[in-house]
Amino acid sequence: MSDNPTDPLDCFGQLEKVFPMGEDGFRTSPPECMKCPIVKTCIQAAMKGVEGLKMEEKRIDRAYECGLIGTFQRWSQKKHVRRKMEEQAKRREDQR
């Protein structure tokens, strides 16, 4: 780790470390993450990652099951999330 406080740590963007599921069933950031100067960027990166996109898919399904969104909106939103996942997979392949 460098001396620069804005350099990412090893945990940067790891959903289960920076935004884990709490005992009450809600996601929350641990206190040590809240002290970090780049916590917002870190959580945003985690939510844009594969695990964050999977969580977004689950949220869409819950909204559909509760009647908050219709079939077409569910299909459209899930398609958008899956495209993001495919883009990430392609970027990872290109980096190899």
PDB file of N, CA and C in Angstrom:
ATOM      1  N   MET A   1       0.851  -1.175   0.000  1.00  0.00           N
ATOM      2  CA  MET A   1       0.000   0.000   0.000  1.00  0.00           C
ATOM      3  C   MET A   1       0.896   1.237   0.000  1.00  0.00           C
ATOM      4  N   SER A   2       0.540   2.220  -0.769  1.00  0.00           N
ATOM      5  CA  SER A   2       1.332   3.443  -0.833  1.00  0.00           C
ATOM      6  C   SER A   2       0.911   4.413   0.265  1.00  0.00           C
ATOM      7  N   ASP A   3       1.652   5.511   0.344  1.00  0.00           N
ATOM      8  CA  ASP A   3       1.344   6.527   1.353  1.00  0.00           C
ATOM      9  C   ASP A   3       0.198   7.432   0.937  1.00  0.00           C
ATOM     10  N   ASN A   4      -0.200   7.366  -0.317  1.00  0.00           N
ATOM     11  CA  ASN A   4      -1.293   8.200  -0.824  1.00  0.00           C
ATOM     12  C   ASN A   4      -2.629   7.655  -0.317  1.00  0.00           C
ATOM     13  N   PRO A   5      -3.420   8.438   0.424  1.00  0.00           N
ATOM     14  CA  PRO A   5      -4.681   7.933   0.992  1.00  0.00           C
ATOM     15  C   PRO A   5      -5.759   7.660  -0.053  1.00  0.00           C
ATOM     16  N   THR A   6      -5.556   8.113  -1.305  1.00  0.00           N
ATOM     17  CA  THR A   6      -6.574   7.867  -2.326  1.00  0.00           C
ATOM     18  C   THR A   6      -6.243   6.653  -3.189  1.00  0.00           C
ATOM     19  N   ASP A   7      -5.138   5.961  -2.921  1.00  0.00           N
ATOM     20  CA  ASP A   7      -4.821   4.740  -3.656  1.00  0.00           C
ATOM     21  C   ASP A   7      -5.722   3.605  -3.169  1.00  0.00           C
ATOM     22  N   PRO A   8      -6.244   2.795  -4.087  1.00  0.00           N
ATOM     23  CA  PRO A   8      -7.130   1.704  -3.677  1.00  0.00           C
ATOM     24  C   PRO A   8      -6.404   0.628  -2.866  1.00  0.00           C
ATOM     25  N   LEU A   9      -7.101   0.073  -1.915  1.00  0.00           N
ATOM     26  CA  LEU A   9      -6.584  -1.034  -1.118  1.00  0.00           C
ATOM     27  C   LEU A   9      -6.882  -2.338  -1.836  1.00  0.00           C
ATOM     28  N   ASP A  10      -6.421  -3.455  -1.264  1.00  0.00           N
ATOM     29  CA  ASP A  10      -6.675  -4.771  -1.857  1.00  0.00           C
ATOM     30  C   ASP A  10      -8.160  -5.113  -1.890  1.00  0.00           C
ATOM     31  N   CYS A  11      -8.935  -4.550  -0.990  1.00  0.00           N
ATOM     32  CA  CYS A  11     -10.360  -4.857  -0.907  1.00  0.00           C
ATOM     33  C   CYS A  11     -11.201  -4.007  -1.869  1.00  0.00           C
ATOM     34  N   PHE A  12     -10.569  -3.088  -2.599  1.00  0.00           N
ATOM     35  CA  PHE A  12     -11.290  -2.148  -3.462  1.00  0.00           C
ATOM     36  C   PHE A  12     -12.213  -2.881  -4.431  1.00  0.00           C
ATOM     37  N   GLY A  13     -13.500  -2.538  -4.374  1.00  0.00           N
ATOM     38  CA  GLY A  13     -14.484  -3.057  -5.312  1.00  0.00           C
ATOM     39  C   GLY A  13     -14.946  -4.480  -5.058  1.00  0.00           C
ATOM     40  N   GLN A  14     -14.596  -5.068  -3.933  1.00  0.00           N
ATOM     41  CA  GLN A  14     -15.031  -6.427  -3.617  1.00  0.00           C
ATOM     42  C   GLN A  14     -16.317  -6.338  -2.795  1.00  0.00           C
ATOM     43  N   LEU A  15     -17.414  -6.689  -3.435  1.00  0.00           N
ATOM     44  CA  LEU A  15     -18.741  -6.482  -2.858  1.00  0.00           C
ATOM     45  C   LEU A  15     -18.893  -7.089  -1.469  1.00  0.00           C
ATOM     46  N   GLU A  16     -18.463  -8.304  -1.280  1.00  0.00           N
ATOM     47  CA  GLU A  16     -18.658  -8.972   0.014  1.00  0.00           C
ATOM     48  C   GLU A  16     -17.784  -8.403   1.125  1.00  0.00           C
ATOM     49  N   LYS A  17     -16.776  -7.622   0.769  1.00  0.00           N
ATOM     50  CA  LYS A  17     -15.938  -6.986   1.794  1.00  0.00           C
ATOM     51  C   LYS A  17     -16.396  -5.565   2.091  1.00  0.00           C
ATOM     52  N   VAL A  18     -16.785  -4.820   1.047  1.00  0.00           N
ATOM     53  CA  VAL A  18     -17.108  -3.408   1.241  1.00  0.00           C
ATOM     54  C   VAL A  18     -18.598  -3.137   1.408  1.00  0.00           C
ATOM     55  N   PHE A  19     -19.435  -4.121   1.085  1.00  0.00           N
ATOM     56  CA  PHE A  19     -20.885  -3.949   1.202  1.00  0.00           C
ATOM     57  C   PHE A  19     -21.530  -5.306   1.498  1.00  0.00           C
ATOM     58  N   PRO A  20     -21.106  -5.950   2.602  1.00  0.00           N
ATOM     59  CA  PRO A  20     -21.588  -7.302   2.904  1.00  0.00           C
ATOM     60  C   PRO A  20     -23.034  -7.320   3.410  1.00  0.00           C
ATOM     61  N   MET A  21     -23.638  -8.482   3.308  1.00  0.00           N
ATOM     62  CA  MET A  21     -24.980  -8.695   3.821  1.00  0.00           C
ATOM     63  C   MET A  21     -24.895  -8.772   5.342  1.00  0.00           C
ATOM     64  N   GLY A  22     -25.702  -7.977   6.007  1.00  0.00           N
ATOM     65  CA  GLY A  22     -25.715  -7.966   7.465  1.00  0.00           C
ATOM     66  C   GLY A  22     -26.577  -9.077   8.031  1.00  0.00           C
ATOM     67  N   GLU A  23     -26.534  -9.244   9.322  1.00  0.00           N
ATOM     68  CA  GLU A  23     -27.326 -10.272   9.998  1.00  0.00           C
ATOM     69  C   GLU A  23     -28.820 -10.038   9.831  1.00  0.00           C
ATOM     70  N   ASP A  24     -29.199  -8.778   9.634  1.00  0.00           N
ATOM     71  CA  ASP A  24     -30.614  -8.437   9.485  1.00  0.00           C
ATOM     72  C   ASP A  24     -31.118  -8.585   8.045  1.00  0.00           C
ATOM     73  N   GLY A  25     -30.233  -9.021   7.136  1.00  0.00           N
ATOM     74  CA  GLY A  25     -30.642  -9.230   5.750  1.00  0.00           C
ATOM     75  C   GLY A  25     -30.456  -8.010   4.862  1.00  0.00           C
ATOM     76  N   PHE A  26     -29.889  -6.948   5.405  1.00  0.00           N
ATOM     77  CA  PHE A  26     -29.628  -5.742   4.635  1.00  0.00           C
ATOM     78  C   PHE A  26     -28.128  -5.586   4.429  1.00  0.00           C
ATOM     79  N   ARG A  27     -27.761  -5.031   3.289  1.00  0.00           N
ATOM     80  CA  ARG A  27     -26.350  -4.762   3.018  1.00  0.00           C
ATOM     81  C   ARG A  27     -25.958  -3.448   3.685  1.00  0.00           C
ATOM     82  N   THR A  28     -24.771  -3.458   4.275  1.00  0.00           N
ATOM     83  CA  THR A  28     -24.252  -2.263   4.926  1.00  0.00           C
ATOM     84  C   THR A  28     -22.730  -2.297   4.873  1.00  0.00           C
ATOM     85  N   SER A  29     -22.125  -1.139   4.833  1.00  0.00           N
ATOM     86  CA  SER A  29     -20.664  -1.064   4.818  1.00  0.00           C
ATOM     87  C   SER A  29     -20.129  -1.179   6.235  1.00  0.00           C
ATOM     88  N   PRO A  30     -19.045  -1.923   6.414  1.00  0.00           N
ATOM     89  CA  PRO A  30     -18.441  -2.035   7.740  1.00  0.00           C
ATOM     90  C   PRO A  30     -17.853  -0.685   8.188  1.00  0.00           C
ATOM     91  N   PRO A  31     -17.745  -0.477   9.490  1.00  0.00           N
ATOM     92  CA  PRO A  31     -17.220   0.795  10.012  1.00  0.00           C
ATOM     93  C   PRO A  31     -15.826   1.139   9.476  1.00  0.00           C
ATOM     94  N   GLU A  32     -14.966   0.120   9.296  1.00  0.00           N
ATOM     95  CA  GLU A  32     -13.611   0.412   8.803  1.00  0.00           C
ATOM     96  C   GLU A  32     -13.635   0.924   7.356  1.00  0.00           C
ATOM     97  N   CYS A  33     -14.633   0.512   6.589  1.00  0.00           N
ATOM     98  CA  CYS A  33     -14.764   1.029   5.217  1.00  0.00           C
ATOM     99  C   CYS A  33     -15.246   2.477   5.221  1.00  0.00           C
ATOM    100  N   MET A  34     -16.083   2.822   6.168  1.00  0.00           N
ATOM    101  CA  MET A  34     -16.624   4.178   6.216  1.00  0.00           C
ATOM    102  C   MET A  34     -15.544   5.213   6.543  1.00  0.00           C
ATOM    103  N   LYS A  35     -14.434   4.769   7.125  1.00  0.00           N
ATOM    104  CA  LYS A  35     -13.319   5.666   7.435  1.00  0.00           C
ATOM    105  C   LYS A  35     -12.433   5.910   6.213  1.00  0.00           C
ATOM    106  N   CYS A  36     -12.566   5.080   5.211  1.00  0.00           N
ATOM    107  CA  CYS A  36     -11.717   5.160   4.019  1.00  0.00           C
ATOM    108  C   CYS A  36     -12.106   6.388   3.179  1.00  0.00           C
ATOM    109  N   PRO A  37     -11.134   7.125   2.659  1.00  0.00           N
ATOM    110  CA  PRO A  37     -11.461   8.322   1.873  1.00  0.00           C
ATOM    111  C   PRO A  37     -12.069   8.014   0.501  1.00  0.00           C
ATOM    112  N   ILE A  38     -11.960   6.781   0.033  1.00  0.00           N
ATOM    113  CA  ILE A  38     -12.500   6.447  -1.287  1.00  0.00           C
ATOM    114  C   ILE A  38     -13.662   5.447  -1.185  1.00  0.00           C
ATOM    115  N   VAL A  39     -14.372   5.462  -0.068  1.00  0.00           N
ATOM    116  CA  VAL A  39     -15.454   4.506   0.161  1.00  0.00           C
ATOM    117  C   VAL A  39     -16.536   4.591  -0.924  1.00  0.00           C
ATOM    118  N   LYS A  40     -16.907   5.784  -1.319  1.00  0.00           N
ATOM    119  CA  LYS A  40     -17.966   5.933  -2.321  1.00  0.00           C
ATOM    120  C   LYS A  40     -17.542   5.309  -3.650  1.00  0.00           C
ATOM    121  N   THR A  41     -16.342   5.617  -4.098  1.00  0.00           N
ATOM    122  CA  THR A  41     -15.828   5.070  -5.351  1.00  0.00           C
ATOM    123  C   THR A  41     -15.710   3.554  -5.267  1.00  0.00           C
ATOM    124  N   CYS A  42     -15.283   3.070  -4.129  1.00  0.00           N
ATOM    125  CA  CYS A  42     -15.110   1.634  -3.907  1.00  0.00           C
ATOM    126  C   CYS A  42     -16.443   0.892  -4.004  1.00  0.00           C
ATOM    127  N   ILE A  43     -17.462   1.400  -3.340  1.00  0.00           N
ATOM    128  CA  ILE A  43     -18.781   0.754  -3.369  1.00  0.00           C
ATOM    129  C   ILE A  43     -19.374   0.837  -4.770  1.00  0.00           C
ATOM    130  N   GLN A  44     -19.181   1.961  -5.444  1.00  0.00           N
ATOM    131  CA  GLN A  44     -19.673   2.081  -6.820  1.00  0.00           C
ATOM    132  C   GLN A  44     -19.001   1.059  -7.730  1.00  0.00           C
ATOM    133  N   ALA A  45     -17.696   0.855  -7.554  1.00  0.00           N
ATOM    134  CA  ALA A  45     -16.977  -0.136  -8.346  1.00  0.00           C
ATOM    135  C   ALA A  45     -17.493  -1.540  -8.047  1.00  0.00           C
ATOM    136  N   ALA A  46     -17.779  -1.808  -6.781  1.00  0.00           N
ATOM    137  CA  ALA A  46     -18.309  -3.123  -6.397  1.00  0.00           C
ATOM    138  C   ALA A  46     -19.674  -3.369  -7.023  1.00  0.00           C
ATOM    139  N   MET A  47     -20.498  -2.344  -7.054  1.00  0.00           N
ATOM    140  CA  MET A  47     -21.847  -2.492  -7.621  1.00  0.00           C
ATOM    141  C   MET A  47     -21.815  -2.644  -9.138  1.00  0.00           C
ATOM    142  N   LYS A  48     -20.773  -2.154  -9.787  1.00  0.00           N
ATOM    143  CA  LYS A  48     -20.638  -2.297 -11.233  1.00  0.00           C
ATOM    144  C   LYS A  48     -19.973  -3.611 -11.615  1.00  0.00           C
ATOM    145  N   GLY A  49     -19.438  -4.319 -10.631  1.00  0.00           N
ATOM    146  CA  GLY A  49     -18.787  -5.599 -10.876  1.00  0.00           C
ATOM    147  C   GLY A  49     -19.805  -6.714 -11.072  1.00  0.00           C
ATOM    148  N   VAL A  50     -19.311  -7.903 -11.331  1.00  0.00           N
ATOM    149  CA  VAL A  50     -20.173  -9.054 -11.603  1.00  0.00           C
ATOM    150  C   VAL A  50     -21.120  -9.334 -10.443  1.00  0.00           C
ATOM    151  N   GLU A  51     -20.599  -9.327  -9.222  1.00  0.00           N
ATOM    152  CA  GLU A  51     -21.447  -9.621  -8.062  1.00  0.00           C
ATOM    153  C   GLU A  51     -22.509  -8.533  -7.868  1.00  0.00           C
ATOM    154  N   GLY A  52     -22.138  -7.300  -8.104  1.00  0.00           N
ATOM    155  CA  GLY A  52     -23.101  -6.207  -8.001  1.00  0.00           C
ATOM    156  C   GLY A  52     -24.197  -6.320  -9.054  1.00  0.00           C
ATOM    157  N   LEU A  53     -23.818  -6.746 -10.255  1.00  0.00           N
ATOM    158  CA  LEU A  53     -24.812  -6.922 -11.315  1.00  0.00           C
ATOM    159  C   LEU A  53     -25.746  -8.096 -11.014  1.00  0.00           C
ATOM    160  N   LYS A  54     -25.202  -9.144 -10.416  1.00  0.00           N
ATOM    161  CA  LYS A  54     -26.058 -10.267  -9.998  1.00  0.00           C
ATOM    162  C   LYS A  54     -27.053  -9.807  -8.929  1.00  0.00           C
ATOM    163  N   MET A  55     -26.584  -8.950  -8.029  1.00  0.00           N
ATOM    164  CA  MET A  55     -27.462  -8.405  -7.003  1.00  0.00           C
ATOM    165  C   MET A  55     -28.558  -7.554  -7.652  1.00  0.00           C
ATOM    166  N   GLU A  56     -28.202  -6.813  -8.685  1.00  0.00           N
ATOM    167  CA  GLU A  56     -29.173  -5.992  -9.410  1.00  0.00           C
ATOM    168  C   GLU A  56     -30.232  -6.876 -10.082  1.00  0.00           C
ATOM    169  N   GLU A  57     -29.817  -8.007 -10.627  1.00  0.00           N
ATOM    170  CA  GLU A  57     -30.777  -8.948 -11.219  1.00  0.00           C
ATOM    171  C   GLU A  57     -31.774  -9.443 -10.179  1.00  0.00           C
ATOM    172  N   LYS A  58     -31.280  -9.752  -9.002  1.00  0.00           N
ATOM    173  CA  LYS A  58     -32.158 -10.212  -7.923  1.00  0.00           C
ATOM    174  C   LYS A  58     -33.144  -9.116  -7.520  1.00  0.00           C
ATOM    175  N   ARG A  59     -32.658  -7.867  -7.489  1.00  0.00           N
ATOM    176  CA  ARG A  59     -33.531  -6.745  -7.150  1.00  0.00           C
ATOM    177  C   ARG A  59     -34.644  -6.597  -8.190  1.00  0.00           C
ATOM    178  N   ILE A  60     -34.310  -6.770  -9.439  1.00  0.00           N
ATOM    179  CA  ILE A  60     -35.301  -6.686 -10.517  1.00  0.00           C
ATOM    180  C   ILE A  60     -36.346  -7.791 -10.354  1.00  0.00           C
ATOM    181  N   ASP A  61     -35.896  -8.992 -10.047  1.00  0.00           N
ATOM    182  CA  ASP A  61     -36.833 -10.107  -9.843  1.00  0.00           C
ATOM    183  C   ASP A  61     -37.760  -9.849  -8.664  1.00  0.00           C
ATOM    184  N   ARG A  62     -37.221  -9.290  -7.579  1.00  0.00           N
ATOM    185  CA  ARG A  62     -38.062  -8.985  -6.421  1.00  0.00           C
ATOM    186  C   ARG A  62     -39.097  -7.926  -6.765  1.00  0.00           C
ATOM    187  N   ALA A  63     -38.691  -6.922  -7.533  1.00  0.00           N
ATOM    188  CA  ALA A  63     -39.628  -5.864  -7.936  1.00  0.00           C
ATOM    189  C   ALA A  63     -40.745  -6.450  -8.798  1.00  0.00           C
ATOM    190  N   TYR A  64     -40.404  -7.394  -9.644  1.00  0.00           N
ATOM    191  CA  TYR A  64     -41.407  -8.037 -10.496  1.00  0.00           C
ATOM    192  C   TYR A  64     -42.374  -8.875  -9.650  1.00  0.00           C
ATOM    193  N   GLU A  65     -41.813  -9.648  -8.723  1.00  0.00           N
ATOM    194  CA  GLU A  65     -42.634 -10.499  -7.871  1.00  0.00           C
ATOM    195  C   GLU A  65     -43.596  -9.685  -7.007  1.00  0.00           C
ATOM    196  N   CYS A  66     -43.191  -8.504  -6.605  1.00  0.00           N
ATOM    197  CA  CYS A  66     -44.037  -7.632  -5.779  1.00  0.00           C
ATOM    198  C   CYS A  66     -45.025  -6.814  -6.608  1.00  0.00           C
ATOM    199  N   GLY A  67     -44.891  -6.879  -7.925  1.00  0.00           N
ATOM    200  CA  GLY A  67     -45.796  -6.142  -8.785  1.00  0.00           C
ATOM    201  C   GLY A  67     -45.387  -4.697  -9.042  1.00  0.00           C
ATOM    202  N   LEU A  68     -44.159  -4.351  -8.691  1.00  0.00           N
ATOM    203  CA  LEU A  68     -43.694  -2.980  -8.899  1.00  0.00           C
ATOM    204  C   LEU A  68     -43.344  -2.712 -10.363  1.00  0.00           C
ATOM    205  N   ILE A  69     -42.957  -3.755 -11.085  1.00  0.00           N
ATOM    206  CA  ILE A  69     -42.666  -3.612 -12.514  1.00  0.00           C
ATOM    207  C   ILE A  69     -43.375  -4.720 -13.272  1.00  0.00           C
ATOM    208  N   GLY A  70     -43.624  -4.481 -14.532  1.00  0.00           N
ATOM    209  CA  GLY A  70     -44.300  -5.463 -15.374  1.00  0.00           C
ATOM    210  C   GLY A  70     -43.317  -6.370 -16.091  1.00  0.00           C
ATOM    211  N   THR A  71     -43.864  -7.289 -16.870  1.00  0.00           N
ATOM    212  CA  THR A  71     -43.062  -8.282 -17.583  1.00  0.00           C
ATOM    213  C   THR A  71     -42.087  -7.630 -18.554  1.00  0.00           C
ATOM    214  N   PHE A  72     -42.574  -6.685 -19.341  1.00  0.00           N
ATOM    215  CA  PHE A  72     -41.711  -6.045 -20.336  1.00  0.00           C
ATOM    216  C   PHE A  72     -40.582  -5.272 -19.679  1.00  0.00           C
ATOM    217  N   GLN A  73     -40.876  -4.538 -18.608  1.00  0.00           N
ATOM    218  CA  GLN A  73     -39.842  -3.765 -17.911  1.00  0.00           C
ATOM    219  C   GLN A  73     -38.814  -4.697 -17.278  1.00  0.00           C
ATOM    220  N   ARG A  74     -39.275  -5.806 -16.714  1.00  0.00           N
ATOM    221  CA  ARG A  74     -38.368  -6.787 -16.123  1.00  0.00           C
ATOM    222  C   ARG A  74     -37.437  -7.343 -17.183  1.00  0.00           C
ATOM    223  N   TRP A  75     -38.005  -7.739 -18.320  1.00  0.00           N
ATOM    224  CA  TRP A  75     -37.208  -8.285 -19.412  1.00  0.00           C
ATOM    225  C   TRP A  75     -36.168  -7.264 -19.875  1.00  0.00           C
ATOM    226  N   SER A  76     -36.584  -6.021 -20.055  1.00  0.00           N
ATOM    227  CA  SER A  76     -35.702  -4.970 -20.545  1.00  0.00           C
ATOM    228  C   SER A  76     -34.560  -4.699 -19.563  1.00  0.00           C
ATOM    229  N   GLN A  77     -34.884  -4.592 -18.282  1.00  0.00           N
ATOM    230  CA  GLN A  77     -33.864  -4.305 -17.281  1.00  0.00           C
ATOM    231  C   GLN A  77     -32.879  -5.458 -17.136  1.00  0.00           C
ATOM    232  N   LYS A  78     -33.389  -6.681 -17.156  1.00  0.00           N
ATOM    233  CA  LYS A  78     -32.504  -7.843 -17.041  1.00  0.00           C
ATOM    234  C   LYS A  78     -31.606  -7.971 -18.270  1.00  0.00           C
ATOM    235  N   LYS A  79     -32.137  -7.631 -19.431  1.00  0.00           N
ATOM    236  CA  LYS A  79     -31.340  -7.664 -20.653  1.00  0.00           C
ATOM    237  C   LYS A  79     -30.198  -6.653 -20.555  1.00  0.00           C
ATOM    238  N   HIS A  80     -30.500  -5.485 -20.033  1.00  0.00           N
ATOM    239  CA  HIS A  80     -29.488  -4.446 -19.856  1.00  0.00           C
ATOM    240  C   HIS A  80     -28.385  -4.926 -18.899  1.00  0.00           C
ATOM    241  N   VAL A  81     -28.770  -5.545 -17.795  1.00  0.00           N
ATOM    242  CA  VAL A  81     -27.801  -6.048 -16.817  1.00  0.00           C
ATOM    243  C   VAL A  81     -26.953  -7.147 -17.438  1.00  0.00           C
ATOM    244  N   ARG A  82     -27.566  -8.050 -18.178  1.00  0.00           N
ATOM    245  CA  ARG A  82     -26.811  -9.142 -18.803  1.00  0.00           C
ATOM    246  C   ARG A  82     -25.834  -8.627 -19.846  1.00  0.00           C
ATOM    247  N   ARG A  83     -26.211  -7.572 -20.555  1.00  0.00           N
ATOM    248  CA  ARG A  83     -25.279  -6.966 -21.521  1.00  0.00           C
ATOM    249  C   ARG A  83     -24.056  -6.406 -20.801  1.00  0.00           C
ATOM    250  N   LYS A  84     -24.287  -5.776 -19.656  1.00  0.00           N
ATOM    251  CA  LYS A  84     -23.165  -5.259 -18.873  1.00  0.00           C
ATOM    252  C   LYS A  84     -22.245  -6.400 -18.435  1.00  0.00           C
ATOM    253  N   MET A  85     -22.845  -7.523 -18.025  1.00  0.00           N
ATOM    254  CA  MET A  85     -22.053  -8.683 -17.614  1.00  0.00           C
ATOM    255  C   MET A  85     -21.221  -9.209 -18.780  1.00  0.00           C
ATOM    256  N   GLU A  86     -21.830  -9.291 -19.955  1.00  0.00           N
ATOM    257  CA  GLU A  86     -21.117  -9.767 -21.140  1.00  0.00           C
ATOM    258  C   GLU A  86     -19.975  -8.826 -21.513  1.00  0.00           C
ATOM    259  N   GLU A  87     -20.193  -7.517 -21.393  1.00  0.00           N
ATOM    260  CA  GLU A  87     -19.143  -6.542 -21.684  1.00  0.00           C
ATOM    261  C   GLU A  87     -17.962  -6.734 -20.741  1.00  0.00           C
ATOM    262  N   GLN A  88     -18.254  -6.963 -19.469  1.00  0.00           N
ATOM    263  CA  GLN A  88     -17.183  -7.174 -18.500  1.00  0.00           C
ATOM    264  C   GLN A  88     -16.411  -8.451 -18.814  1.00  0.00           C
ATOM    265  N   ALA A  89     -17.127  -9.512 -19.166  1.00  0.00           N
ATOM    266  CA  ALA A  89     -16.478 -10.774 -19.501  1.00  0.00           C
ATOM    267  C   ALA A  89     -15.575 -10.596 -20.732  1.00  0.00           C
ATOM    268  N   LYS A  90     -16.064  -9.854 -21.708  1.00  0.00           N
ATOM    269  CA  LYS A  90     -15.269  -9.616 -22.914  1.00  0.00           C
ATOM    270  C   LYS A  90     -14.017  -8.798 -22.588  1.00  0.00           C
ATOM    271  N   ARG A  91     -14.150  -7.779 -21.736  1.00  0.00           N
ATOM    272  CA  ARG A  91     -13.000  -6.971 -21.331  1.00  0.00           C
ATOM    273  C   ARG A  91     -11.959  -7.819 -20.617  1.00  0.00           C
ATOM    274  N   ARG A  92     -12.424  -8.730 -19.759  1.00  0.00           N
ATOM    275  CA  ARG A  92     -11.487  -9.612 -19.051  1.00  0.00           C
ATOM    276  C   ARG A  92     -10.746 -10.507 -20.023  1.00  0.00           C
ATOM    277  N   GLU A  93     -11.460 -11.027 -21.039  1.00  0.00           N
ATOM    278  CA  GLU A  93     -10.813 -11.870 -22.048  1.00  0.00           C
ATOM    279  C   GLU A  93      -9.782 -11.075 -22.842  1.00  0.00           C
ATOM    280  N   ASP A  94     -10.125  -9.842 -23.193  1.00  0.00           N
ATOM    281  CA  ASP A  94      -9.228  -8.995 -23.976  1.00  0.00           C
ATOM    282  C   ASP A  94      -7.959  -8.645 -23.197  1.00  0.00           C
ATOM    283  N   GLN A  95      -8.069  -8.578 -21.866  1.00  0.00           N
ATOM    284  CA  GLN A  95      -6.918  -8.234 -21.041  1.00  0.00           C
ATOM    285  C   GLN A  95      -5.948  -9.399 -20.899  1.00  0.00           C
ATOM    286  N   ARG A  96      -6.395 -10.593 -21.183  1.00  0.00           N
ATOM    287  CA  ARG A  96      -5.522 -11.789 -21.029  1.00  0.00           C
ATOM    288  C   ARG A  96      -4.555 -11.911 -22.138  1.00  0.00           C
TER     289      ARG A  96
END
